Amino acid sequence: MLLSSLLLTALPLAANTINVVQSNDDGWAMINIRELHRSLTDAGFSSIISAPADNKSGKGSKDAEPVQVGHKGCQFGSCPSFSPPYGNNASEPQFNYVNSYPVTAMRHGIQNLSQTFFAGPPDIALSGPNAGNNLRWAARRSGTVGAAVEAAELGVPAIAFSGPGHYRPWTDPVQPYMEIYSELSTIVVEVLTNGSKPYLPDDTILNVNYPHLQDVCESVSDVNFVLTRVFPRWVFRFLDLSPRRDDVEMCGSKLLPDEQSVVRGKGCHASISVMSTKKKDVDAEKQRFVADRLGSILTCLPGKRRKGL
C-alpha cells in the first residue's frame, strides 16, 4: 500500500475532532461494527453506534418506525425481551440499538444521538463492515449501502464497507480478518477526512469492498486500494445504471475497472467505488474529486489485468 507508516502516524492529529456515526445491517451486537469502533477510537475519532437491534441484512433502503423488541430480545441476547424500541449499553452508552431497519437506525444516529453526544451533526457516517461483499447488483439491495445512502441524503458524507466474513457476536474473539478490515477502513476514513470539507461530492457515497484474506493477502500492508466503477459500463444500460460517458482518467485509461472484477480477481485489491444516492455510477467529475482526495492510497492494477477489463 502506498500510504506510509509515517503518514499514518500524522493523520490522527487531523482526526481528533472528527465525529462519526456508525451503523450496519448485521446488527448492533455484531463484532465487525464493534471492532471498527475500537479502531476508530484508537485513531482519535469520536464515534457512536446506532444500528439495528437484530440482523437486517438485505433490506436495502426500507424504513419503518421502531417498535418494541419481541420476546426473543435483541440479537445474541444483547438486550432483554420486550425492551423499548431504542436502547443502549448502560456501561457503554455510545453503543445504541434501534429496533428497525438500517436506514432508520442511521437516521436516528444522525438526527438524535449526534445531538446528545456531539451537540450537532456528525462529520462522517460509516456503515459496516458488512459480513459479505456488496458488489454490483447486490449493492442496490444492501442494507449496509442503504444506511450510507440515507446519511448522504441527510447531508452527511458516508462510506459503506463490506468484505467476506462471518456473522459473529461482539463477545467472540476478534479474528485477524476483522482486525484488518477495521484497520483498512480507518485508513480510508483518515485519508478522506485529512483536510477541509467537503469530504465527498454531494449526493454520493463510497462503496468499499475488501478481498478474501488468504495466501498473498494476509495483512493490512498487502491490500491495495483501486478506484472502481460499481457496474461494468456494458451492463445494465437498459436500467441506466452505468452511464456510457468516460470515467475519470486513472492509470492511463478513461474506463475504471468494475468493483467485482477487482475484488474477485488475482492479487490483493480492495475496491472503492463512487456511487450516487440513486445507487448508480457517477460522472468523471465526481470520481476525480474522490481520486484527488484519496490519491495517497490508490493504486493501479497490473497491466495485463487492466487490459482484460
C-alpha atoms as a PDB file:
ATOM      1  CA  MET A   1       0.000   0.000   0.000  1.00  0.00           C
ATOM      2  CA  LEU A   2       1.283   3.482  -0.855  1.00  0.00           C
ATOM      3  CA  LEU A   3       0.320   5.079   2.460  1.00  0.00           C
ATOM      4  CA  SER A   4       3.475   5.148   4.534  1.00  0.00           C
ATOM      5  CA  SER A   5       3.666   4.436   8.228  1.00  0.00           C
ATOM      6  CA  LEU A   6       4.899   7.992   8.756  1.00  0.00           C
ATOM      7  CA  LEU A   7       1.779   9.397   7.120  1.00  0.00           C
ATOM      8  CA  LEU A   8      -0.424   7.147   9.218  1.00  0.00           C
ATOM      9  CA  THR A   9       1.144   8.426  12.422  1.00  0.00           C
ATOM     10  CA  ALA A  10       0.493  12.010  11.358  1.00  0.00           C
ATOM     11  CA  LEU A  11      -3.086  11.612  10.194  1.00  0.00           C
ATOM     12  CA  PRO A  12      -4.738  11.045  13.601  1.00  0.00           C
ATOM     13  CA  LEU A  13      -3.748  14.589  14.562  1.00  0.00           C
ATOM     14  CA  ALA A  14      -6.262  15.774  11.992  1.00  0.00           C
ATOM     15  CA  ALA A  15      -8.829  13.262  13.166  1.00  0.00           C
ATOM     16  CA  ASN A  16      -9.087  14.284  16.818  1.00  0.00           C
ATOM     17  CA  THR A  17     -12.200  16.389  16.291  1.00  0.00           C
ATOM     18  CA  ILE A  18     -13.888  14.165  13.695  1.00  0.00           C
ATOM     19  CA  ASN A  19     -17.264  12.908  14.938  1.00  0.00           C
ATOM     20  CA  VAL A  20     -18.575   9.662  13.467  1.00  0.00           C
ATOM     21  CA  VAL A  21     -21.916   7.853  13.408  1.00  0.00           C
ATOM     22  CA  GLN A  22     -21.625   4.134  12.696  1.00  0.00           C
ATOM     23  CA  SER A  23     -24.356   1.774  11.560  1.00  0.00           C
ATOM     24  CA  ASN A  24     -24.710  -1.506   9.680  1.00  0.00           C
ATOM     25  CA  ASP A  25     -27.312  -4.052   8.614  1.00  0.00           C
ATOM     26  CA  ASP A  26     -25.889  -7.004  10.586  1.00  0.00           C
ATOM     27  CA  GLY A  27     -26.954  -5.596  13.944  1.00  0.00           C
ATOM     28  CA  TRP A  28     -25.560  -3.508  16.775  1.00  0.00           C
ATOM     29  CA  ALA A  29     -24.057  -6.503  18.614  1.00  0.00           C
ATOM     30  CA  MET A  30     -22.149  -7.783  15.577  1.00  0.00           C
ATOM     31  CA  ILE A  31     -18.413  -7.993  16.203  1.00  0.00           C
ATOM     32  CA  ASN A  32     -17.410  -6.167  12.991  1.00  0.00           C
ATOM     33  CA  ILE A  33     -19.013  -2.859  13.927  1.00  0.00           C
ATOM     34  CA  ARG A  34     -17.608  -3.019  17.457  1.00  0.00           C
ATOM     35  CA  GLU A  35     -14.112  -3.742  16.143  1.00  0.00           C
ATOM     36  CA  LEU A  36     -14.307  -0.782  13.745  1.00  0.00           C
ATOM     37  CA  HIS A  37     -15.413   1.392  16.653  1.00  0.00           C
ATOM     38  CA  ARG A  38     -12.320   0.297  18.575  1.00  0.00           C
ATOM     39  CA  SER A  39     -10.044   1.062  15.636  1.00  0.00           C
ATOM     40  CA  LEU A  40     -11.590   4.491  15.087  1.00  0.00           C
ATOM     41  CA  THR A  41     -11.314   5.331  18.769  1.00  0.00           C
ATOM     42  CA  ASP A  42      -7.666   4.275  18.835  1.00  0.00           C
ATOM     43  CA  ALA A  43      -7.056   6.584  15.860  1.00  0.00           C
ATOM     44  CA  GLY A  44      -8.539   9.578  17.662  1.00  0.00           C
ATOM     45  CA  PHE A  45     -12.054   9.695  16.232  1.00  0.00           C
ATOM     46  CA  SER A  46     -15.141  10.217  18.392  1.00  0.00           C
ATOM     47  CA  SER A  47     -17.644   7.570  17.337  1.00  0.00           C
ATOM     48  CA  ILE A  48     -21.099   6.350  18.301  1.00  0.00           C
ATOM     49  CA  ILE A  49     -23.020   3.314  17.071  1.00  0.00           C
ATOM     50  CA  SER A  50     -26.668   3.459  16.024  1.00  0.00           C
ATOM     51  CA  ALA A  51     -27.538   0.141  14.428  1.00  0.00           C
ATOM     52  CA  PRO A  52     -30.452  -2.316  14.169  1.00  0.00           C
ATOM     53  CA  ALA A  53     -31.340  -4.407  17.214  1.00  0.00           C
ATOM     54  CA  ASP A  54     -31.159  -7.528  15.058  1.00  0.00           C
ATOM     55  CA  ASN A  55     -29.818  -8.706  11.719  1.00  0.00           C
ATOM     56  CA  LYS A  56     -31.473  -6.718   8.912  1.00  0.00           C
ATOM     57  CA  SER A  57     -29.274  -7.801   6.032  1.00  0.00           C
ATOM     58  CA  GLY A  58     -30.558  -7.279   2.508  1.00  0.00           C
ATOM     59  CA  LYS A  59     -33.217  -4.745   3.490  1.00  0.00           C
ATOM     60  CA  GLY A  60     -31.904  -2.034   1.187  1.00  0.00           C
ATOM     61  CA  SER A  61     -33.498   1.334   1.893  1.00  0.00           C
ATOM     62  CA  LYS A  62     -36.521   0.061   3.814  1.00  0.00           C
ATOM     63  CA  ASP A  63     -37.642   2.326   6.632  1.00  0.00           C
ATOM     64  CA  ALA A  64     -40.157   1.926   9.471  1.00  0.00           C
ATOM     65  CA  GLU A  65     -40.979   3.399  12.864  1.00  0.00           C
ATOM     66  CA  PRO A  66     -39.063   1.455  15.549  1.00  0.00           C
ATOM     67  CA  VAL A  67     -41.168  -0.876  17.692  1.00  0.00           C
ATOM     68  CA  GLN A  68     -40.758  -2.702  20.986  1.00  0.00           C
ATOM     69  CA  VAL A  69     -38.315  -5.609  20.866  1.00  0.00           C
ATOM     70  CA  GLY A  70     -40.008  -9.018  20.713  1.00  0.00           C
ATOM     71  CA  HIS A  71     -39.905 -11.924  23.130  1.00  0.00           C
ATOM     72  CA  LYS A  72     -36.529 -13.162  21.827  1.00  0.00           C
ATOM     73  CA  GLY A  73     -34.782  -9.927  22.758  1.00  0.00           C
ATOM     74  CA  CYS A  74     -32.029  -8.330  20.678  1.00  0.00           C
ATOM     75  CA  GLN A  75     -29.556 -10.384  18.656  1.00  0.00           C
ATOM     76  CA  PHE A  76     -27.099 -12.572  20.583  1.00  0.00           C
ATOM     77  CA  GLY A  77     -29.006 -11.826  23.799  1.00  0.00           C
ATOM     78  CA  SER A  78     -27.741  -8.251  23.766  1.00  0.00           C
ATOM     79  CA  CYS A  79     -30.981  -6.841  25.191  1.00  0.00           C
ATOM     80  CA  PRO A  80     -33.852  -8.466  27.147  1.00  0.00           C
ATOM     81  CA  SER A  81     -37.259  -9.495  25.849  1.00  0.00           C
ATOM     82  CA  PHE A  82     -39.691  -6.644  25.274  1.00  0.00           C
ATOM     83  CA  SER A  83     -37.032  -3.953  25.505  1.00  0.00           C
ATOM     84  CA  PRO A  84     -38.023  -0.479  24.254  1.00  0.00           C
ATOM     85  CA  PRO A  85     -37.711   0.484  20.567  1.00  0.00           C
ATOM     86  CA  TYR A  86     -34.492   2.393  21.306  1.00  0.00           C
ATOM     87  CA  GLY A  87     -31.802   1.417  23.770  1.00  0.00           C
ATOM     88  CA  ASN A  88     -28.118   1.336  24.578  1.00  0.00           C
ATOM     89  CA  ASN A  89     -25.450  -0.431  26.556  1.00  0.00           C
ATOM     90  CA  ALA A  90     -25.703   1.077  30.043  1.00  0.00           C
ATOM     91  CA  SER A  91     -21.961   0.792  30.650  1.00  0.00           C
ATOM     92  CA  GLU A  92     -21.053   1.962  27.135  1.00  0.00           C
ATOM     93  CA  PRO A  93     -23.794   4.400  26.071  1.00  0.00           C
ATOM     94  CA  GLN A  94     -22.079   5.091  22.763  1.00  0.00           C
ATOM     95  CA  PHE A  95     -23.396   1.663  21.629  1.00  0.00           C
ATOM     96  CA  ASN A  96     -27.054   2.103  20.646  1.00  0.00           C
ATOM     97  CA  TYR A  97     -29.707  -0.091  19.051  1.00  0.00           C
ATOM     98  CA  VAL A  98     -32.802   0.873  17.080  1.00  0.00           C
ATOM     99  CA  ASN A  99     -35.396  -1.859  16.585  1.00  0.00           C
ATOM    100  CA  SER A 100     -35.965  -1.179  12.905  1.00  0.00           C
ATOM    101  CA  TYR A 101     -34.071  -1.072   9.600  1.00  0.00           C
ATOM    102  CA  PRO A 102     -30.521   0.156   8.886  1.00  0.00           C
ATOM    103  CA  VAL A 103     -31.841   3.338   7.261  1.00  0.00           C
ATOM    104  CA  THR A 104     -33.939   4.101  10.345  1.00  0.00           C
ATOM    105  CA  ALA A 105     -31.033   3.418  12.687  1.00  0.00           C
ATOM    106  CA  MET A 106     -28.649   5.622  10.719  1.00  0.00           C
ATOM    107  CA  ARG A 107     -31.123   8.489  10.679  1.00  0.00           C
ATOM    108  CA  HIS A 108     -31.670   8.194  14.437  1.00  0.00           C
ATOM    109  CA  GLY A 109     -27.934   8.349  14.978  1.00  0.00           C
ATOM    110  CA  ILE A 110     -27.545  11.453  12.837  1.00  0.00           C
ATOM    111  CA  GLN A 111     -30.626  13.378  13.903  1.00  0.00           C
ATOM    112  CA  ASN A 112     -30.897  12.395  17.563  1.00  0.00           C
ATOM    113  CA  LEU A 113     -27.869  10.704  19.094  1.00  0.00           C
ATOM    114  CA  SER A 114     -25.432  13.114  17.457  1.00  0.00           C
ATOM    115  CA  GLN A 115     -27.135  15.987  19.213  1.00  0.00           C
ATOM    116  CA  THR A 116     -26.607  14.234  22.544  1.00  0.00           C
ATOM    117  CA  PHE A 117     -23.006  13.155  22.013  1.00  0.00           C
ATOM    118  CA  PHE A 118     -21.665  15.819  19.640  1.00  0.00           C
ATOM    119  CA  ALA A 119     -24.078  18.757  20.109  1.00  0.00           C
ATOM    120  CA  GLY A 120     -24.562  18.755  16.347  1.00  0.00           C
ATOM    121  CA  PRO A 121     -24.415  16.558  13.240  1.00  0.00           C
ATOM    122  CA  PRO A 122     -21.555  14.111  12.703  1.00  0.00           C
ATOM    123  CA  ASP A 123     -18.712  14.858  10.327  1.00  0.00           C
ATOM    124  CA  ILE A 124     -18.999  11.492   8.609  1.00  0.00           C
ATOM    125  CA  ALA A 125     -21.149   8.347   8.692  1.00  0.00           C
ATOM    126  CA  LEU A 126     -19.872   4.792   8.282  1.00  0.00           C
ATOM    127  CA  SER A 127     -21.823   1.621   7.571  1.00  0.00           C
ATOM    128  CA  GLY A 128     -20.354  -1.829   8.159  1.00  0.00           C
ATOM    129  CA  PRO A 129     -18.029  -3.588   7.727  1.00  0.00           C
ATOM    130  CA  ASN A 130     -20.672  -5.951   6.397  1.00  0.00           C
ATOM    131  CA  ALA A 131     -20.187  -9.712   6.671  1.00  0.00           C
ATOM    132  CA  GLY A 132     -20.113 -10.387   2.934  1.00  0.00           C
ATOM    133  CA  ASN A 133     -19.304  -8.280  -0.105  1.00  0.00           C
ATOM    134  CA  ASN A 134     -21.767  -5.813  -1.613  1.00  0.00           C
ATOM    135  CA  LEU A 135     -20.789  -5.705  -5.268  1.00  0.00           C
ATOM    136  CA  ARG A 136     -22.664  -4.627  -8.397  1.00  0.00           C
ATOM    137  CA  TRP A 137     -26.332  -5.556  -8.122  1.00  0.00           C
ATOM    138  CA  ALA A 138     -26.029  -6.729  -4.517  1.00  0.00           C
ATOM    139  CA  ALA A 139     -25.106  -3.193  -3.503  1.00  0.00           C
ATOM    140  CA  ARG A 140     -28.507  -1.914  -4.597  1.00  0.00           C
ATOM    141  CA  ARG A 141     -30.372  -4.157  -2.157  1.00  0.00           C
ATOM    142  CA  SER A 142     -27.817  -3.977   0.635  1.00  0.00           C
ATOM    143  CA  GLY A 143     -28.861  -2.523   3.969  1.00  0.00           C
ATOM    144  CA  THR A 144     -25.230  -1.544   4.521  1.00  0.00           C
ATOM    145  CA  VAL A 145     -25.308   0.591   1.386  1.00  0.00           C
ATOM    146  CA  GLY A 146     -28.855   1.752   2.166  1.00  0.00           C
ATOM    147  CA  ALA A 147     -27.728   3.157   5.525  1.00  0.00           C
ATOM    148  CA  ALA A 148     -24.853   5.039   3.883  1.00  0.00           C
ATOM    149  CA  VAL A 149     -27.197   6.456   1.243  1.00  0.00           C
ATOM    150  CA  GLU A 150     -29.554   7.659   3.977  1.00  0.00           C
ATOM    151  CA  ALA A 151     -26.692   9.535   5.626  1.00  0.00           C
ATOM    152  CA  ALA A 152     -25.710  11.171   2.339  1.00  0.00           C
ATOM    153  CA  GLU A 153     -29.303  12.227   1.726  1.00  0.00           C
ATOM    154  CA  LEU A 154     -29.215  13.870   5.161  1.00  0.00           C
ATOM    155  CA  GLY A 155     -26.125  15.820   4.105  1.00  0.00           C
ATOM    156  CA  VAL A 156     -23.514  13.683   5.887  1.00  0.00           C
ATOM    157  CA  PRO A 157     -20.662  12.168   3.821  1.00  0.00           C
ATOM    158  CA  ALA A 158     -20.834   8.397   4.099  1.00  0.00           C
ATOM    159  CA  ILE A 159     -18.941   5.202   3.354  1.00  0.00           C
ATOM    160  CA  ALA A 160     -20.206   1.612   3.154  1.00  0.00           C
ATOM    161  CA  PHE A 161     -17.620  -1.073   3.976  1.00  0.00           C
ATOM    162  CA  SER A 162     -18.016  -4.782   3.140  1.00  0.00           C
ATOM    163  CA  GLY A 163     -15.874  -7.894   2.964  1.00  0.00           C
ATOM    164  CA  PRO A 164     -16.053 -11.694   3.197  1.00  0.00           C
ATOM    165  CA  GLY A 165     -16.683 -12.850   6.743  1.00  0.00           C
ATOM    166  CA  HIS A 166     -18.950 -14.490   9.280  1.00  0.00           C
ATOM    167  CA  TYR A 167     -21.912 -13.421  11.393  1.00  0.00           C
ATOM    168  CA  ARG A 168     -20.473 -13.330  14.924  1.00  0.00           C
ATOM    169  CA  PRO A 169     -21.343 -11.630  18.252  1.00  0.00           C
ATOM    170  CA  TRP A 170     -19.172  -8.977  19.857  1.00  0.00           C
ATOM    171  CA  THR A 171     -18.223 -11.454  22.593  1.00  0.00           C
ATOM    172  CA  ASP A 172     -16.348 -13.746  20.170  1.00  0.00           C
ATOM    173  CA  PRO A 173     -12.567 -13.487  19.824  1.00  0.00           C
ATOM    174  CA  VAL A 174     -11.531 -10.976  17.165  1.00  0.00           C
ATOM    175  CA  GLN A 175     -10.361 -12.822  14.054  1.00  0.00           C
ATOM    176  CA  PRO A 176      -7.420 -11.480  12.009  1.00  0.00           C
ATOM    177  CA  TYR A 177      -9.617 -10.552   9.041  1.00  0.00           C
ATOM    178  CA  MET A 178     -11.888  -8.471  11.288  1.00  0.00           C
ATOM    179  CA  GLU A 179      -8.939  -6.506  12.595  1.00  0.00           C
ATOM    180  CA  ILE A 180      -7.567  -5.999   9.086  1.00  0.00           C
ATOM    181  CA  TYR A 181     -10.904  -4.757   7.713  1.00  0.00           C
ATOM    182  CA  SER A 182     -11.211  -2.337  10.619  1.00  0.00           C
ATOM    183  CA  GLU A 183      -7.691  -1.003  10.206  1.00  0.00           C
ATOM    184  CA  LEU A 184      -8.130  -0.600   6.447  1.00  0.00           C
ATOM    185  CA  SER A 185     -11.462   1.159   6.959  1.00  0.00           C
ATOM    186  CA  THR A 186      -9.866   3.506   9.458  1.00  0.00           C
ATOM    187  CA  ILE A 187      -7.128   4.320   6.951  1.00  0.00           C
ATOM    188  CA  VAL A 188      -9.737   5.256   4.330  1.00  0.00           C
ATOM    189  CA  VAL A 189     -11.544   7.498   6.820  1.00  0.00           C
ATOM    190  CA  GLU A 190      -8.285   9.091   7.974  1.00  0.00           C
ATOM    191  CA  VAL A 191      -7.207   9.963   4.454  1.00  0.00           C
ATOM    192  CA  LEU A 192     -10.655  11.161   3.371  1.00  0.00           C
ATOM    193  CA  THR A 193     -11.052  13.479   6.365  1.00  0.00           C
ATOM    194  CA  ASN A 194      -7.456  14.727   6.361  1.00  0.00           C
ATOM    195  CA  GLY A 195      -8.254  18.194   5.044  1.00  0.00           C
ATOM    196  CA  SER A 196     -11.042  20.689   4.728  1.00  0.00           C
ATOM    197  CA  LYS A 197     -14.655  19.854   3.948  1.00  0.00           C
ATOM    198  CA  PRO A 198     -16.441  18.761   1.835  1.00  0.00           C
ATOM    199  CA  TYR A 199     -15.119  15.237   2.134  1.00  0.00           C
ATOM    200  CA  LEU A 200     -17.252  13.889  -0.720  1.00  0.00           C
ATOM    201  CA  PRO A 201     -19.308  15.378  -3.569  1.00  0.00           C
ATOM    202  CA  ASP A 202     -22.983  15.977  -2.838  1.00  0.00           C
ATOM    203  CA  ASP A 203     -25.360  13.050  -3.355  1.00  0.00           C
ATOM    204  CA  THR A 204     -22.640  10.401  -3.351  1.00  0.00           C
ATOM    205  CA  ILE A 205     -21.253   7.693  -1.087  1.00  0.00           C
ATOM    206  CA  LEU A 206     -18.211   5.471  -1.248  1.00  0.00           C
ATOM    207  CA  ASN A 207     -18.814   1.738  -1.605  1.00  0.00           C
ATOM    208  CA  VAL A 208     -15.693  -0.055  -0.352  1.00  0.00           C
ATOM    209  CA  ASN A 209     -15.229  -3.812  -0.718  1.00  0.00           C
ATOM    210  CA  TYR A 210     -12.399  -5.959   0.596  1.00  0.00           C
ATOM    211  CA  PRO A 211     -10.980  -9.161  -0.928  1.00  0.00           C
ATOM    212  CA  HIS A 212     -10.904 -12.566   0.699  1.00  0.00           C
ATOM    213  CA  LEU A 213      -7.895 -12.540   3.002  1.00  0.00           C
ATOM    214  CA  GLN A 214      -5.662 -15.523   2.352  1.00  0.00           C
ATOM    215  CA  ASP A 215      -2.353 -16.522   0.765  1.00  0.00           C
ATOM    216  CA  VAL A 216      -0.864 -13.305  -0.713  1.00  0.00           C
ATOM    217  CA  CYS A 217      -3.489 -11.259   1.100  1.00  0.00           C
ATOM    218  CA  GLU A 218      -2.801 -11.690   4.809  1.00  0.00           C
ATOM    219  CA  SER A 219      -2.116  -8.258   6.285  1.00  0.00           C
ATOM    220  CA  VAL A 220      -3.032  -4.587   6.030  1.00  0.00           C
ATOM    221  CA  SER A 221       0.108  -3.841   4.041  1.00  0.00           C
ATOM    222  CA  ASP A 222      -0.800  -6.488   1.436  1.00  0.00           C
ATOM    223  CA  VAL A 223      -4.065  -4.797   0.439  1.00  0.00           C
ATOM    224  CA  ASN A 224      -4.081  -2.229  -2.380  1.00  0.00           C
ATOM    225  CA  PHE A 225      -6.989   0.143  -2.984  1.00  0.00           C
ATOM    226  CA  VAL A 226      -8.248   0.651  -6.537  1.00  0.00           C
ATOM    227  CA  LEU A 227     -10.739   3.297  -7.692  1.00  0.00           C
ATOM    228  CA  THR A 228     -13.565   1.438  -9.433  1.00  0.00           C
ATOM    229  CA  ARG A 229     -16.986   1.628 -11.003  1.00  0.00           C
ATOM    230  CA  VAL A 230     -19.964  -0.122  -9.423  1.00  0.00           C
ATOM    231  CA  PHE A 231     -21.084  -1.685 -12.707  1.00  0.00           C
ATOM    232  CA  PRO A 232     -19.185  -2.539 -15.890  1.00  0.00           C
ATOM    233  CA  ARG A 233     -20.038   0.086 -18.489  1.00  0.00           C
ATOM    234  CA  TRP A 234     -21.500  -2.508 -20.840  1.00  0.00           C
ATOM    235  CA  VAL A 235     -24.019  -3.931 -18.382  1.00  0.00           C
ATOM    236  CA  PHE A 236     -27.488  -2.776 -17.282  1.00  0.00           C
ATOM    237  CA  ARG A 237     -27.684   0.067 -19.806  1.00  0.00           C
ATOM    238  CA  PHE A 238     -31.384  -0.585 -20.167  1.00  0.00           C
ATOM    239  CA  LEU A 239     -31.778   0.424 -16.499  1.00  0.00           C
ATOM    240  CA  ASP A 240     -29.452   3.438 -16.874  1.00  0.00           C
ATOM    241  CA  LEU A 241     -27.307   2.141 -14.040  1.00  0.00           C
ATOM    242  CA  SER A 242     -23.978   2.695 -15.739  1.00  0.00           C
ATOM    243  CA  PRO A 243     -23.535   5.783 -17.955  1.00  0.00           C
ATOM    244  CA  ARG A 244     -21.685   5.465 -21.255  1.00  0.00           C
ATOM    245  CA  ARG A 245     -19.586   8.591 -20.758  1.00  0.00           C
ATOM    246  CA  ASP A 246     -15.904   8.347 -19.901  1.00  0.00           C
ATOM    247  CA  ASP A 247     -14.735   7.817 -16.347  1.00  0.00           C
ATOM    248  CA  VAL A 248     -12.015   9.861 -14.705  1.00  0.00           C
ATOM    249  CA  GLU A 249      -8.656   9.087 -16.266  1.00  0.00           C
ATOM    250  CA  MET A 250      -6.725   6.761 -13.990  1.00  0.00           C
ATOM    251  CA  CYS A 251      -3.760   4.532 -14.729  1.00  0.00           C
ATOM    252  CA  GLY A 252      -3.752   5.552 -18.391  1.00  0.00           C
ATOM    253  CA  SER A 253      -7.416   4.711 -19.029  1.00  0.00           C
ATOM    254  CA  LYS A 254     -10.725   6.576 -19.088  1.00  0.00           C
ATOM    255  CA  LEU A 255     -12.586   3.415 -18.129  1.00  0.00           C
ATOM    256  CA  LEU A 256     -12.364   2.361 -14.494  1.00  0.00           C
ATOM    257  CA  PRO A 257     -12.467  -1.363 -13.688  1.00  0.00           C
ATOM    258  CA  ASP A 258     -15.661  -2.515 -12.027  1.00  0.00           C
ATOM    259  CA  GLU A 259     -15.559  -3.375  -8.340  1.00  0.00           C
ATOM    260  CA  GLN A 260     -16.385  -7.066  -8.649  1.00  0.00           C
ATOM    261  CA  SER A 261     -13.627  -7.784 -11.160  1.00  0.00           C
ATOM    262  CA  VAL A 262     -11.131  -6.040  -8.884  1.00  0.00           C
ATOM    263  CA  VAL A 263     -12.118  -7.673  -5.590  1.00  0.00           C
ATOM    264  CA  ARG A 264     -12.512 -11.175  -7.019  1.00  0.00           C
ATOM    265  CA  GLY A 265      -9.570 -11.017  -9.398  1.00  0.00           C
ATOM    266  CA  LYS A 266      -5.995 -12.110  -8.833  1.00  0.00           C
ATOM    267  CA  GLY A 267      -3.876 -10.308  -6.304  1.00  0.00           C
ATOM    268  CA  CYS A 268      -4.923  -8.432  -3.199  1.00  0.00           C
ATOM    269  CA  HIS A 269      -7.060  -5.464  -4.199  1.00  0.00           C
ATOM    270  CA  ALA A 270      -9.867  -3.609  -2.434  1.00  0.00           C
ATOM    271  CA  SER A 271     -12.319  -1.561  -4.477  1.00  0.00           C
ATOM    272  CA  ILE A 272     -13.502   1.995  -3.820  1.00  0.00           C
ATOM    273  CA  SER A 273     -16.500   2.955  -5.963  1.00  0.00           C
ATOM    274  CA  VAL A 274     -18.117   6.376  -6.028  1.00  0.00           C
ATOM    275  CA  MET A 275     -21.859   5.675  -6.007  1.00  0.00           C
ATOM    276  CA  SER A 276     -24.733   8.118  -6.317  1.00  0.00           C
ATOM    277  CA  THR A 277     -27.565   8.192  -3.797  1.00  0.00           C
ATOM    278  CA  LYS A 278     -29.619   6.635  -6.613  1.00  0.00           C
ATOM    279  CA  LYS A 279     -27.211   3.682  -6.313  1.00  0.00           C
ATOM    280  CA  LYS A 280     -25.708   4.249  -9.746  1.00  0.00           C
ATOM    281  CA  ASP A 281     -22.279   5.140 -11.081  1.00  0.00           C
ATOM    282  CA  VAL A 282     -21.369   8.826 -11.138  1.00  0.00           C
ATOM    283  CA  ASP A 283     -19.703  11.129 -13.652  1.00  0.00           C
ATOM    284  CA  ALA A 284     -15.977  11.680 -14.091  1.00  0.00           C
ATOM    285  CA  GLU A 285     -16.007  14.977 -12.198  1.00  0.00           C
ATOM    286  CA  LYS A 286     -17.224  13.322  -9.006  1.00  0.00           C
ATOM    287  CA  GLN A 287     -14.819  10.437  -9.500  1.00  0.00           C
ATOM    288  CA  ARG A 288     -11.988  12.955  -9.894  1.00  0.00           C
ATOM    289  CA  PHE A 289     -12.911  14.612  -6.593  1.00  0.00           C
ATOM    290  CA  VAL A 290     -12.514  11.277  -4.810  1.00  0.00           C
ATOM    291  CA  ALA A 291      -9.379  10.343  -6.749  1.00  0.00           C
ATOM    292  CA  ASP A 292      -7.746  13.585  -5.647  1.00  0.00           C
ATOM    293  CA  ARG A 293      -8.887  13.129  -2.059  1.00  0.00           C
ATOM    294  CA  LEU A 294      -7.726   9.512  -1.742  1.00  0.00           C
ATOM    295  CA  GLY A 295      -4.769   9.699  -4.109  1.00  0.00           C
ATOM    296  CA  SER A 296      -2.212   8.677  -1.493  1.00  0.00           C
ATOM    297  CA  ILE A 297      -3.743   5.205  -1.093  1.00  0.00           C
ATOM    298  CA  LEU A 298      -4.950   4.476  -4.645  1.00  0.00           C
ATOM    299  CA  THR A 299      -3.015   2.087  -6.865  1.00  0.00           C
ATOM    300  CA  CYS A 300      -3.226   0.698 -10.394  1.00  0.00           C
ATOM    301  CA  LEU A 301      -3.964  -2.874 -11.347  1.00  0.00           C
ATOM    302  CA  PRO A 302      -1.182  -4.797 -13.081  1.00  0.00           C
ATOM    303  CA  GLY A 303      -1.068  -4.013 -16.807  1.00  0.00           C
ATOM    304  CA  LYS A 304      -2.355  -7.373 -18.008  1.00  0.00           C
ATOM    305  CA  ARG A 305      -5.366  -7.181 -15.731  1.00  0.00           C
ATOM    306  CA  ARG A 306      -6.179  -3.643 -16.883  1.00  0.00           C
ATOM    307  CA  LYS A 307      -6.248  -4.797 -20.485  1.00  0.00           C
ATOM    308  CA  GLY A 308      -8.633  -7.602 -19.627  1.00  0.00           C
ATOM    309  CA  LEU A 309     -11.276  -5.404 -18.005  1.00  0.00           C
END
